Amino acid sequence: MIQRLVFALPILGIILEILFKTISHAYGDTGLVIFMSTWMVSWWIFAIAPLGATSLIPLFFLPSFNILPIKTVTPFYSDSMIFLFLGGFILARGLEKTELSERFALNVLKFTGRSDTGIVVGFTIATSLLSMWISNTATAIMMIPIAASVLKFLDKNTEHNEMDIKNISTVIYLSIAYSANIGGTMTPIGTPPNVVFLGYLENIYHIQIDFWKWGLIMIPTSIVFLIFQVIVLNKLFKYPEKFFLVQLHI
């Protein structure tokens, strides 16, 4: 296998050199950049190489073909938004590794889960607060098994008909989905698009928004949306008031 690779690399290098020269002659630097972008996207989609390794392609490709000097390329890898991303990922990984996020969610439910609406509100609060620091998808994935356990407990320990448990199940699962998205907007690191948006504002319009300024605007706005969400879901999917009067033993 290694011998084949040794013989294949020079041949591949010659083919790529001819290809790059042809593209450069026909389309100039624009053609090479389009080729590089297609190369990276294909590697990302088909997972041919690790994501980190694929992201380093511009670091050697652009200087090698004199499209951009390496001093121009490297600062983009140390942009402040990249470190904001990194900080959010480290924080999220720490919460997941220590299972602190799960314990927090369970304690919120233990405090609020003494009535039907309290259970829904508990899931809404826990999901939105966790989504402020963890990605929306990761938060939803973490909360779904907890919701399934709670619903199983309600199914076994309360008198109900099938429609009642179906409606409250729908409300809880939708609350998790919507709360994860709404909570993700509360902080700049709540979801990756927030960081991209901040970078866009800074690079294009030279507008800088601090962490606390973002929270000052988005946290009250998100709370309004969360209250509206709870009210609307309870209206759309009705279940008997005070039907699930149980104490969760978590």
C-alpha atoms as a PDB file:
ATOM      1  CA  MET A   1       0.000   0.000   0.000  1.00  0.00           C
ATOM      2  CA  ILE A   2       2.815   2.411   0.923  1.00  0.00           C
ATOM      3  CA  GLN A   3       4.748   1.567  -2.251  1.00  0.00           C
ATOM      4  CA  ARG A   4       1.690   2.296  -4.403  1.00  0.00           C
ATOM      5  CA  LEU A   5       1.237   5.588  -2.601  1.00  0.00           C
ATOM      6  CA  VAL A   6       4.882   6.550  -3.185  1.00  0.00           C
ATOM      7  CA  PHE A   7       4.541   5.920  -6.938  1.00  0.00           C
ATOM      8  CA  ALA A   8       1.091   7.548  -7.119  1.00  0.00           C
ATOM      9  CA  LEU A   9       2.051  10.844  -5.472  1.00  0.00           C
ATOM     10  CA  PRO A  10       4.456  12.063  -8.218  1.00  0.00           C
ATOM     11  CA  ILE A  11       1.930  11.134 -10.913  1.00  0.00           C
ATOM     12  CA  LEU A  12      -0.826  12.927  -9.014  1.00  0.00           C
ATOM     13  CA  GLY A  13       1.466  15.942  -8.577  1.00  0.00           C
ATOM     14  CA  ILE A  14       2.113  16.142 -12.329  1.00  0.00           C
ATOM     15  CA  ILE A  15      -1.616  15.869 -13.108  1.00  0.00           C
ATOM     16  CA  LEU A  16      -2.479  18.584 -10.581  1.00  0.00           C
ATOM     17  CA  GLU A  17       0.281  20.865 -11.901  1.00  0.00           C
ATOM     18  CA  ILE A  18      -1.041  20.550 -15.468  1.00  0.00           C
ATOM     19  CA  LEU A  19      -4.604  21.079 -14.236  1.00  0.00           C
ATOM     20  CA  PHE A  20      -3.696  24.150 -12.181  1.00  0.00           C
ATOM     21  CA  LYS A  21      -1.728  25.696 -15.033  1.00  0.00           C
ATOM     22  CA  THR A  22      -4.625  25.115 -17.432  1.00  0.00           C
ATOM     23  CA  ILE A  23      -7.127  26.684 -15.029  1.00  0.00           C
ATOM     24  CA  SER A  24      -4.792  29.590 -14.278  1.00  0.00           C
ATOM     25  CA  HIS A  25      -4.170  30.260 -17.977  1.00  0.00           C
ATOM     26  CA  ALA A  26      -7.886  30.129 -18.845  1.00  0.00           C
ATOM     27  CA  TYR A  27      -9.469  31.849 -15.838  1.00  0.00           C
ATOM     28  CA  GLY A  28      -6.633  33.399 -13.828  1.00  0.00           C
ATOM     29  CA  ASP A  29      -6.642  33.506 -10.045  1.00  0.00           C
ATOM     30  CA  THR A  30     -10.445  33.401  -9.946  1.00  0.00           C
ATOM     31  CA  GLY A  31     -10.477  29.961 -11.515  1.00  0.00           C
ATOM     32  CA  LEU A  32      -7.917  28.672  -9.007  1.00  0.00           C
ATOM     33  CA  VAL A  33      -9.909  30.018  -6.068  1.00  0.00           C
ATOM     34  CA  ILE A  34     -13.107  28.404  -7.406  1.00  0.00           C
ATOM     35  CA  PHE A  35     -11.219  25.142  -7.832  1.00  0.00           C
ATOM     36  CA  MET A  36      -9.915  25.387  -4.251  1.00  0.00           C
ATOM     37  CA  SER A  37     -13.402  26.089  -2.911  1.00  0.00           C
ATOM     38  CA  THR A  38     -14.857  23.109  -4.794  1.00  0.00           C
ATOM     39  CA  TRP A  39     -12.028  20.941  -3.486  1.00  0.00           C
ATOM     40  CA  MET A  40     -12.721  21.955   0.126  1.00  0.00           C
ATOM     41  CA  VAL A  41     -16.499  21.580  -0.141  1.00  0.00           C
ATOM     42  CA  SER A  42     -16.173  18.090  -1.650  1.00  0.00           C
ATOM     43  CA  TRP A  43     -13.813  17.011   1.143  1.00  0.00           C
ATOM     44  CA  TRP A  44     -16.196  18.402   3.764  1.00  0.00           C
ATOM     45  CA  ILE A  45     -19.280  16.744   2.263  1.00  0.00           C
ATOM     46  CA  PHE A  46     -17.742  13.313   1.741  1.00  0.00           C
ATOM     47  CA  ALA A  47     -15.510  13.462   4.874  1.00  0.00           C
ATOM     48  CA  ILE A  48     -12.419  12.538   2.875  1.00  0.00           C
ATOM     49  CA  ALA A  49     -10.170  14.276   5.396  1.00  0.00           C
ATOM     50  CA  PRO A  50     -10.726  15.650   8.927  1.00  0.00           C
ATOM     51  CA  LEU A  51     -12.466  19.032   8.973  1.00  0.00           C
ATOM     52  CA  GLY A  52      -9.470  20.705  10.567  1.00  0.00           C
ATOM     53  CA  ALA A  53      -7.112  19.391   7.900  1.00  0.00           C
ATOM     54  CA  THR A  54      -9.426  20.515   5.099  1.00  0.00           C
ATOM     55  CA  SER A  55      -9.627  24.010   6.549  1.00  0.00           C
ATOM     56  CA  LEU A  56      -5.836  24.343   6.207  1.00  0.00           C
ATOM     57  CA  ILE A  57      -5.915  23.950   2.400  1.00  0.00           C
ATOM     58  CA  PRO A  58      -5.971  27.738   1.729  1.00  0.00           C
ATOM     59  CA  LEU A  59      -2.940  28.136   3.981  1.00  0.00           C
ATOM     60  CA  PHE A  60      -0.671  26.391   1.480  1.00  0.00           C
ATOM     61  CA  PHE A  61      -2.751  26.622  -1.703  1.00  0.00           C
ATOM     62  CA  LEU A  62      -3.106  30.413  -1.969  1.00  0.00           C
ATOM     63  CA  PRO A  63       0.569  31.270  -1.315  1.00  0.00           C
ATOM     64  CA  SER A  64       1.794  28.379  -3.493  1.00  0.00           C
ATOM     65  CA  PHE A  65       0.068  29.809  -6.574  1.00  0.00           C
ATOM     66  CA  ASN A  66       0.859  33.429  -5.731  1.00  0.00           C
ATOM     67  CA  ILE A  67      -2.800  34.291  -5.275  1.00  0.00           C
ATOM     68  CA  LEU A  68      -2.230  35.789  -1.830  1.00  0.00           C
ATOM     69  CA  PRO A  69       0.932  36.027   0.299  1.00  0.00           C
ATOM     70  CA  ILE A  70       1.015  33.875   3.395  1.00  0.00           C
ATOM     71  CA  LYS A  71       1.123  36.992   5.607  1.00  0.00           C
ATOM     72  CA  THR A  72      -2.290  37.922   4.223  1.00  0.00           C
ATOM     73  CA  VAL A  73      -3.779  34.451   4.621  1.00  0.00           C
ATOM     74  CA  THR A  74      -2.663  33.552   8.144  1.00  0.00           C
ATOM     75  CA  PRO A  75      -4.398  36.425  10.043  1.00  0.00           C
ATOM     76  CA  PHE A  76      -7.784  34.977   9.055  1.00  0.00           C
ATOM     77  CA  TYR A  77      -6.953  31.878  11.097  1.00  0.00           C
ATOM     78  CA  SER A  78      -6.511  34.010  14.228  1.00  0.00           C
ATOM     79  CA  ASP A  79      -9.544  36.244  13.811  1.00  0.00           C
ATOM     80  CA  SER A  80     -11.226  37.234  17.076  1.00  0.00           C
ATOM     81  CA  MET A  81     -14.442  35.511  15.961  1.00  0.00           C
ATOM     82  CA  ILE A  82     -12.564  32.222  15.618  1.00  0.00           C
ATOM     83  CA  PHE A  83     -11.503  32.437  19.265  1.00  0.00           C
ATOM     84  CA  LEU A  84     -15.081  33.297  20.219  1.00  0.00           C
ATOM     85  CA  PHE A  85     -16.154  30.109  18.463  1.00  0.00           C
ATOM     86  CA  LEU A  86     -13.411  28.178  20.249  1.00  0.00           C
ATOM     87  CA  GLY A  87     -14.394  29.533  23.657  1.00  0.00           C
ATOM     88  CA  GLY A  88     -18.010  28.540  23.102  1.00  0.00           C
ATOM     89  CA  PHE A  89     -17.018  25.024  22.033  1.00  0.00           C
ATOM     90  CA  ILE A  90     -14.734  24.581  25.058  1.00  0.00           C
ATOM     91  CA  LEU A  91     -17.470  25.770  27.430  1.00  0.00           C
ATOM     92  CA  ALA A  92     -20.054  23.481  25.814  1.00  0.00           C
ATOM     93  CA  ARG A  93     -17.705  20.499  25.939  1.00  0.00           C
ATOM     94  CA  GLY A  94     -16.966  21.145  29.599  1.00  0.00           C
ATOM     95  CA  LEU A  95     -20.669  21.220  30.475  1.00  0.00           C
ATOM     96  CA  GLU A  96     -21.308  17.991  28.583  1.00  0.00           C
ATOM     97  CA  LYS A  97     -18.233  16.202  29.942  1.00  0.00           C
ATOM     98  CA  THR A  98     -19.062  16.942  33.579  1.00  0.00           C
ATOM     99  CA  GLU A  99     -22.803  16.330  32.968  1.00  0.00           C
ATOM    100  CA  LEU A 100     -23.425  19.639  34.719  1.00  0.00           C
ATOM    101  CA  SER A 101     -25.888  20.642  32.005  1.00  0.00           C
ATOM    102  CA  GLU A 102     -27.986  17.511  32.572  1.00  0.00           C
ATOM    103  CA  ARG A 103     -28.041  17.978  36.331  1.00  0.00           C
ATOM    104  CA  PHE A 104     -29.058  21.595  35.870  1.00  0.00           C
ATOM    105  CA  ALA A 105     -31.954  20.579  33.617  1.00  0.00           C
ATOM    106  CA  LEU A 106     -33.131  17.909  36.061  1.00  0.00           C
ATOM    107  CA  ASN A 107     -33.021  20.306  39.013  1.00  0.00           C
ATOM    108  CA  VAL A 108     -35.057  22.889  37.106  1.00  0.00           C
ATOM    109  CA  LEU A 109     -37.670  20.227  36.370  1.00  0.00           C
ATOM    110  CA  LYS A 110     -37.623  19.095  39.985  1.00  0.00           C
ATOM    111  CA  PHE A 111     -38.435  22.641  41.069  1.00  0.00           C
ATOM    112  CA  THR A 112     -41.122  23.384  38.451  1.00  0.00           C
ATOM    113  CA  GLY A 113     -42.537  19.937  37.704  1.00  0.00           C
ATOM    114  CA  ARG A 114     -45.430  19.915  40.160  1.00  0.00           C
ATOM    115  CA  SER A 115     -48.152  20.605  37.616  1.00  0.00           C
ATOM    116  CA  ASP A 116     -48.846  20.187  33.924  1.00  0.00           C
ATOM    117  CA  THR A 117     -47.887  23.743  32.943  1.00  0.00           C
ATOM    118  CA  GLY A 118     -44.984  23.673  35.386  1.00  0.00           C
ATOM    119  CA  ILE A 119     -43.442  20.731  33.532  1.00  0.00           C
ATOM    120  CA  VAL A 120     -43.724  22.582  30.214  1.00  0.00           C
ATOM    121  CA  VAL A 121     -42.284  25.762  31.732  1.00  0.00           C
ATOM    122  CA  GLY A 122     -39.468  23.745  33.306  1.00  0.00           C
ATOM    123  CA  PHE A 123     -38.429  22.277  29.972  1.00  0.00           C
ATOM    124  CA  THR A 124     -38.683  25.715  28.365  1.00  0.00           C
ATOM    125  CA  ILE A 125     -36.463  27.366  30.989  1.00  0.00           C
ATOM    126  CA  ALA A 126     -33.902  24.565  31.150  1.00  0.00           C
ATOM    127  CA  THR A 127     -33.572  24.228  27.375  1.00  0.00           C
ATOM    128  CA  SER A 128     -33.299  27.960  26.691  1.00  0.00           C
ATOM    129  CA  LEU A 129     -30.726  28.573  29.453  1.00  0.00           C
ATOM    130  CA  LEU A 130     -28.546  25.671  28.315  1.00  0.00           C
ATOM    131  CA  SER A 131     -28.837  26.747  24.689  1.00  0.00           C
ATOM    132  CA  MET A 132     -27.265  30.076  25.640  1.00  0.00           C
ATOM    133  CA  TRP A 133     -23.934  28.249  25.992  1.00  0.00           C
ATOM    134  CA  ILE A 134     -24.346  25.000  24.055  1.00  0.00           C
ATOM    135  CA  SER A 135     -25.347  24.617  20.408  1.00  0.00           C
ATOM    136  CA  ASN A 136     -29.064  24.309  19.690  1.00  0.00           C
ATOM    137  CA  THR A 137     -28.736  20.784  18.330  1.00  0.00           C
ATOM    138  CA  ALA A 138     -26.682  19.490  21.255  1.00  0.00           C
ATOM    139  CA  THR A 139     -29.128  21.006  23.750  1.00  0.00           C
ATOM    140  CA  ALA A 140     -32.148  19.458  22.040  1.00  0.00           C
ATOM    141  CA  ILE A 141     -30.464  16.044  21.823  1.00  0.00           C
ATOM    142  CA  MET A 142     -29.646  16.201  25.533  1.00  0.00           C
ATOM    143  CA  MET A 143     -33.155  17.254  26.585  1.00  0.00           C
ATOM    144  CA  ILE A 144     -35.119  14.729  24.484  1.00  0.00           C
ATOM    145  CA  PRO A 145     -34.207  11.652  26.613  1.00  0.00           C
ATOM    146  CA  ILE A 146     -35.094  13.601  29.771  1.00  0.00           C
ATOM    147  CA  ALA A 147     -38.461  14.499  28.243  1.00  0.00           C
ATOM    148  CA  ALA A 148     -39.068  10.881  27.269  1.00  0.00           C
ATOM    149  CA  SER A 149     -38.384   9.751  30.856  1.00  0.00           C
ATOM    150  CA  VAL A 150     -40.724  12.380  32.301  1.00  0.00           C
ATOM    151  CA  LEU A 151     -43.509  11.473  29.883  1.00  0.00           C
ATOM    152  CA  LYS A 152     -43.089   7.785  30.674  1.00  0.00           C
ATOM    153  CA  PHE A 153     -43.362   8.615  34.374  1.00  0.00           C
ATOM    154  CA  LEU A 154     -46.541  10.637  33.766  1.00  0.00           C
ATOM    155  CA  ASP A 155     -48.016   7.858  31.653  1.00  0.00           C
ATOM    156  CA  LYS A 156     -47.558   5.303  34.439  1.00  0.00           C
ATOM    157  CA  ASN A 157     -48.453   7.422  37.472  1.00  0.00           C
ATOM    158  CA  THR A 158     -51.468   9.490  36.379  1.00  0.00           C
ATOM    159  CA  GLU A 159     -54.984   8.773  35.240  1.00  0.00           C
ATOM    160  CA  HIS A 160     -55.430  10.009  31.704  1.00  0.00           C
ATOM    161  CA  ASN A 161     -56.736   9.198  28.292  1.00  0.00           C
ATOM    162  CA  GLU A 162     -54.553   8.728  25.226  1.00  0.00           C
ATOM    163  CA  MET A 163     -55.258  12.193  23.805  1.00  0.00           C
ATOM    164  CA  ASP A 164     -54.160  13.956  27.007  1.00  0.00           C
ATOM    165  CA  ILE A 165     -50.733  12.326  27.091  1.00  0.00           C
ATOM    166  CA  LYS A 166     -50.367  12.815  23.334  1.00  0.00           C
ATOM    167  CA  ASN A 167     -51.060  16.546  23.606  1.00  0.00           C
ATOM    168  CA  ILE A 168     -48.700  17.193  26.490  1.00  0.00           C
ATOM    169  CA  SER A 169     -46.029  15.121  24.718  1.00  0.00           C
ATOM    170  CA  THR A 170     -46.395  17.326  21.652  1.00  0.00           C
ATOM    171  CA  VAL A 171     -46.178  20.480  23.767  1.00  0.00           C
ATOM    172  CA  ILE A 172     -43.047  19.326  25.591  1.00  0.00           C
ATOM    173  CA  TYR A 173     -41.186  18.216  22.467  1.00  0.00           C
ATOM    174  CA  LEU A 174     -42.092  21.393  20.579  1.00  0.00           C
ATOM    175  CA  SER A 175     -41.087  23.448  23.628  1.00  0.00           C
ATOM    176  CA  ILE A 176     -37.655  21.844  23.554  1.00  0.00           C
ATOM    177  CA  ALA A 177     -37.228  22.527  19.838  1.00  0.00           C
ATOM    178  CA  TYR A 178     -38.375  26.153  19.964  1.00  0.00           C
ATOM    179  CA  SER A 179     -36.637  26.943  23.263  1.00  0.00           C
ATOM    180  CA  ALA A 180     -33.317  25.647  21.911  1.00  0.00           C
ATOM    181  CA  ASN A 181     -33.558  28.029  18.957  1.00  0.00           C
ATOM    182  CA  ILE A 182     -34.750  30.997  21.007  1.00  0.00           C
ATOM    183  CA  GLY A 183     -32.188  30.397  23.751  1.00  0.00           C
ATOM    184  CA  GLY A 184     -29.453  30.225  21.144  1.00  0.00           C
ATOM    185  CA  THR A 185     -30.051  33.864  20.282  1.00  0.00           C
ATOM    186  CA  MET A 186     -29.513  35.104  23.847  1.00  0.00           C
ATOM    187  CA  THR A 187     -25.705  35.156  23.658  1.00  0.00           C
ATOM    188  CA  PRO A 188     -23.239  35.544  20.768  1.00  0.00           C
ATOM    189  CA  ILE A 189     -21.946  32.002  21.355  1.00  0.00           C
ATOM    190  CA  GLY A 190     -25.397  30.405  21.627  1.00  0.00           C
ATOM    191  CA  THR A 191     -25.311  29.314  17.989  1.00  0.00           C
ATOM    192  CA  PRO A 192     -22.643  29.624  15.252  1.00  0.00           C
ATOM    193  CA  PRO A 193     -24.699  31.983  13.016  1.00  0.00           C
ATOM    194  CA  ASN A 194     -24.516  34.592  15.788  1.00  0.00           C
ATOM    195  CA  VAL A 195     -20.726  34.657  15.562  1.00  0.00           C
ATOM    196  CA  VAL A 196     -20.857  34.779  11.761  1.00  0.00           C
ATOM    197  CA  PHE A 197     -23.261  37.721  11.973  1.00  0.00           C
ATOM    198  CA  LEU A 198     -20.955  39.584  14.379  1.00  0.00           C
ATOM    199  CA  GLY A 199     -18.012  38.991  12.059  1.00  0.00           C
ATOM    200  CA  TYR A 200     -20.047  40.243   9.099  1.00  0.00           C
ATOM    201  CA  LEU A 201     -20.996  43.439  10.931  1.00  0.00           C
ATOM    202  CA  GLU A 202     -17.405  44.060  11.996  1.00  0.00           C
ATOM    203  CA  ASN A 203     -15.768  43.358   8.615  1.00  0.00           C
ATOM    204  CA  ILE A 204     -18.325  44.986   6.319  1.00  0.00           C
ATOM    205  CA  TYR A 205     -19.858  47.789   8.384  1.00  0.00           C
ATOM    206  CA  HIS A 206     -17.158  48.188  11.093  1.00  0.00           C
ATOM    207  CA  ILE A 207     -19.753  47.762  13.832  1.00  0.00           C
ATOM    208  CA  GLN A 208     -18.643  45.989  17.007  1.00  0.00           C
ATOM    209  CA  ILE A 209     -21.211  44.555  19.407  1.00  0.00           C
ATOM    210  CA  ASP A 210     -19.915  43.536  22.830  1.00  0.00           C
ATOM    211  CA  PHE A 211     -21.091  40.407  24.613  1.00  0.00           C
ATOM    212  CA  TRP A 212     -23.039  42.340  27.240  1.00  0.00           C
ATOM    213  CA  LYS A 213     -24.672  44.610  24.669  1.00  0.00           C
ATOM    214  CA  TRP A 214     -25.898  41.592  22.733  1.00  0.00           C
ATOM    215  CA  GLY A 215     -27.349  40.087  25.908  1.00  0.00           C
ATOM    216  CA  LEU A 216     -28.909  43.373  26.962  1.00  0.00           C
ATOM    217  CA  ILE A 217     -30.989  43.390  23.780  1.00  0.00           C
ATOM    218  CA  MET A 218     -31.561  39.712  23.064  1.00  0.00           C
ATOM    219  CA  ILE A 219     -32.236  38.282  26.538  1.00  0.00           C
ATOM    220  CA  PRO A 220     -35.389  40.393  27.200  1.00  0.00           C
ATOM    221  CA  THR A 221     -36.526  39.840  23.608  1.00  0.00           C
ATOM    222  CA  SER A 222     -36.057  36.078  23.931  1.00  0.00           C
ATOM    223  CA  ILE A 223     -37.941  35.981  27.245  1.00  0.00           C
ATOM    224  CA  VAL A 224     -40.937  37.598  25.539  1.00  0.00           C
ATOM    225  CA  PHE A 225     -40.781  34.990  22.767  1.00  0.00           C
ATOM    226  CA  LEU A 226     -40.542  32.156  25.314  1.00  0.00           C
ATOM    227  CA  ILE A 227     -43.620  33.387  27.201  1.00  0.00           C
ATOM    228  CA  PHE A 228     -45.499  33.713  23.919  1.00  0.00           C
ATOM    229  CA  GLN A 229     -44.385  30.194  22.979  1.00  0.00           C
ATOM    230  CA  VAL A 230     -45.712  28.646  26.198  1.00  0.00           C
ATOM    231  CA  ILE A 231     -49.071  30.395  25.847  1.00  0.00           C
ATOM    232  CA  VAL A 232     -49.543  29.492  22.177  1.00  0.00           C
ATOM    233  CA  LEU A 233     -48.560  25.831  22.564  1.00  0.00           C
ATOM    234  CA  ASN A 234     -50.888  25.390  25.549  1.00  0.00           C
ATOM    235  CA  LYS A 235     -53.723  26.889  23.508  1.00  0.00           C
ATOM    236  CA  LEU A 236     -53.059  24.796  20.403  1.00  0.00           C
ATOM    237  CA  PHE A 237     -52.694  21.465  22.208  1.00  0.00           C
ATOM    238  CA  LYS A 238     -55.169  21.373  25.059  1.00  0.00           C
ATOM    239  CA  TYR A 239     -54.953  19.002  27.982  1.00  0.00           C
ATOM    240  CA  PRO A 240     -56.954  19.183  31.268  1.00  0.00           C
ATOM    241  CA  GLU A 241     -55.795  21.944  33.594  1.00  0.00           C
ATOM    242  CA  LYS A 242     -54.000  20.634  36.689  1.00  0.00           C
ATOM    243  CA  PHE A 243     -54.325  17.143  35.231  1.00  0.00           C
ATOM    244  CA  PHE A 244     -50.730  16.095  35.844  1.00  0.00           C
ATOM    245  CA  LEU A 245     -50.493  17.122  39.501  1.00  0.00           C
ATOM    246  CA  VAL A 246     -47.506  14.959  40.370  1.00  0.00           C
ATOM    247  CA  GLN A 247     -44.157  15.457  42.029  1.00  0.00           C
ATOM    248  CA  LEU A 248     -41.206  14.393  39.900  1.00  0.00           C
ATOM    249  CA  HIS A 249     -38.783  12.222  41.869  1.00  0.00           C
ATOM    250  CA  ILE A 250     -35.530  12.992  40.038  1.00  0.00           C
END
